[in-house]
Amino acid sequence: MKLIGLLVSIAGLSLTGCANSSYEGRYAWGDGWRLGRITAIGVGSDFQEKLAKNCNATLPADQRFAKVRLGGSGHGFWRTVPIQSDAPWRENDGLYINVLDCDAPLIPRLN
């Protein structure tokens, strides 16, 4: 009987941990933060046409964009977001991206 109680407690704590998960203790899943990797950087209509739906589509013609791959193998998706012209991002850089707020900056991953 004590074993069942222990297992139920462990299961409960595991579920609680998932609900409050965050990256590096700052970037909470519930707030829209996800792990990503830059797959392409560029300018022009090819990037702007694939802009994330929650981003402003009326941007200058010379706006730079980053195409970011999110998710694991087989279940990934891409997001194209505007980046600053002087941003030091390069292809294959790991980052945190907020999928709910296009104005949120891309944050470099520490690992």
Protein backbone atom coordinates (compact mmCIF):
# COMPACT_ATOMS: atom_id res chain seq x y z
CA MET A 1 0.00 0.00 0.00
CA LYS A 2 2.85 2.40 0.78
CA LEU A 3 4.38 1.60 -2.61
CA ILE A 4 1.20 2.70 -4.41
CA GLY A 5 1.17 5.97 -2.47
CA LEU A 6 4.79 6.59 -3.35
CA LEU A 7 4.15 5.92 -7.05
CA VAL A 8 1.15 8.26 -7.07
CA SER A 9 3.24 11.00 -5.42
CA ILE A 10 6.03 10.59 -7.96
CA ALA A 11 3.55 10.71 -10.84
CA GLY A 12 1.98 13.88 -9.42
CA LEU A 13 5.31 15.60 -9.04
CA SER A 14 6.27 14.63 -12.58
CA LEU A 15 3.11 16.21 -13.99
CA THR A 16 3.64 19.36 -11.95
CA GLY A 17 7.18 19.65 -13.29
CA CYS A 18 5.92 19.52 -16.88
CA ALA A 19 3.34 22.22 -16.26
CA ASN A 20 5.99 24.64 -14.99
CA SER A 21 8.81 23.73 -17.37
CA SER A 22 11.19 26.42 -18.47
CA TYR A 23 14.50 26.67 -20.24
CA GLU A 24 17.43 27.90 -18.18
CA GLY A 25 14.91 28.82 -15.47
CA ARG A 26 13.77 31.89 -17.43
CA TYR A 27 12.07 31.00 -20.69
CA ALA A 28 8.80 29.30 -19.80
CA TRP A 29 7.07 26.95 -22.23
CA GLY A 30 3.70 28.38 -21.19
CA ASP A 31 4.86 31.87 -22.18
CA GLY A 32 5.61 30.66 -25.73
CA TRP A 33 9.36 29.94 -25.54
CA ARG A 34 10.68 27.04 -27.63
CA LEU A 35 14.07 25.64 -28.57
CA GLY A 36 15.09 26.30 -32.14
CA ARG A 37 17.94 26.32 -34.64
CA ILE A 38 18.47 28.78 -37.48
CA THR A 39 18.40 27.04 -40.85
CA ALA A 40 18.63 30.10 -43.13
CA ILE A 41 19.10 33.86 -43.01
CA GLY A 42 18.25 36.24 -45.81
CA VAL A 43 16.21 39.07 -47.29
CA GLY A 44 13.54 39.29 -49.93
CA SER A 45 10.13 38.02 -50.85
CA ASP A 46 11.01 34.33 -50.41
CA PHE A 47 11.45 34.95 -46.70
CA GLN A 48 8.70 37.54 -46.28
CA GLU A 49 6.07 35.29 -47.92
CA LYS A 50 6.75 32.63 -45.28
CA LEU A 51 6.67 35.05 -42.36
CA ALA A 52 5.11 33.71 -39.18
CA LYS A 53 1.41 34.61 -39.03
CA ASN A 54 1.74 36.64 -35.85
CA CYS A 55 4.49 38.86 -37.32
CA ASN A 56 3.88 42.16 -39.05
CA ALA A 57 3.93 41.57 -42.81
CA THR A 58 4.53 45.28 -43.64
CA LEU A 59 8.29 45.39 -43.24
CA PRO A 60 10.96 47.21 -45.26
CA ALA A 61 12.23 45.56 -48.44
CA ASP A 62 15.73 45.18 -46.97
CA GLN A 63 14.49 43.49 -43.78
CA ARG A 64 16.58 40.46 -42.74
CA PHE A 65 14.83 37.25 -41.71
CA ALA A 66 15.79 34.05 -39.98
CA LYS A 67 14.15 30.72 -40.74
CA VAL A 68 14.07 28.76 -37.48
CA ARG A 69 13.43 25.05 -37.12
CA LEU A 70 11.60 24.06 -33.94
CA GLY A 71 10.67 20.70 -32.46
CA GLY A 72 12.16 17.26 -32.52
CA SER A 73 12.89 14.86 -35.32
CA GLY A 74 9.84 14.04 -37.37
CA HIS A 75 7.62 16.53 -35.51
CA GLY A 76 9.41 19.77 -36.29
CA PHE A 77 8.07 22.92 -37.85
CA TRP A 78 9.56 26.17 -39.12
CA ARG A 79 9.02 29.77 -38.26
CA THR A 80 10.33 32.72 -40.27
CA VAL A 81 10.84 35.85 -38.19
CA PRO A 82 12.36 39.29 -38.78
CA ILE A 83 15.77 39.97 -37.23
CA GLN A 84 17.77 43.16 -36.80
CA SER A 85 20.12 44.05 -39.63
CA ASP A 86 23.13 44.06 -37.30
CA ALA A 87 22.20 40.89 -35.43
CA PRO A 88 25.12 38.41 -35.25
CA TRP A 89 22.97 35.34 -36.02
CA ARG A 90 24.36 32.66 -38.32
CA GLU A 91 22.98 29.47 -39.79
CA ASN A 92 22.95 26.55 -37.35
CA ASP A 93 22.91 28.81 -34.26
CA GLY A 94 20.81 27.38 -31.42
CA LEU A 95 18.33 29.73 -29.79
CA TYR A 96 15.13 30.26 -27.86
CA ILE A 97 12.23 31.72 -29.82
CA ASN A 98 8.89 32.94 -28.54
CA VAL A 99 6.20 31.53 -30.85
CA LEU A 100 3.50 33.74 -29.29
CA ASP A 101 5.28 37.08 -29.60
CA CYS A 102 7.02 37.99 -32.84
CA ASP A 103 8.48 41.11 -31.21
CA ALA A 104 10.28 39.06 -28.56
CA PRO A 105 14.01 38.86 -29.28
CA LEU A 106 15.69 35.63 -30.27
CA ILE A 107 17.80 34.47 -27.33
CA PRO A 108 21.07 32.56 -27.86
CA ARG A 109 21.19 29.13 -26.24
CA LEU A 110 23.95 28.70 -23.69
CA ASN A 111 24.55 25.04 -24.54
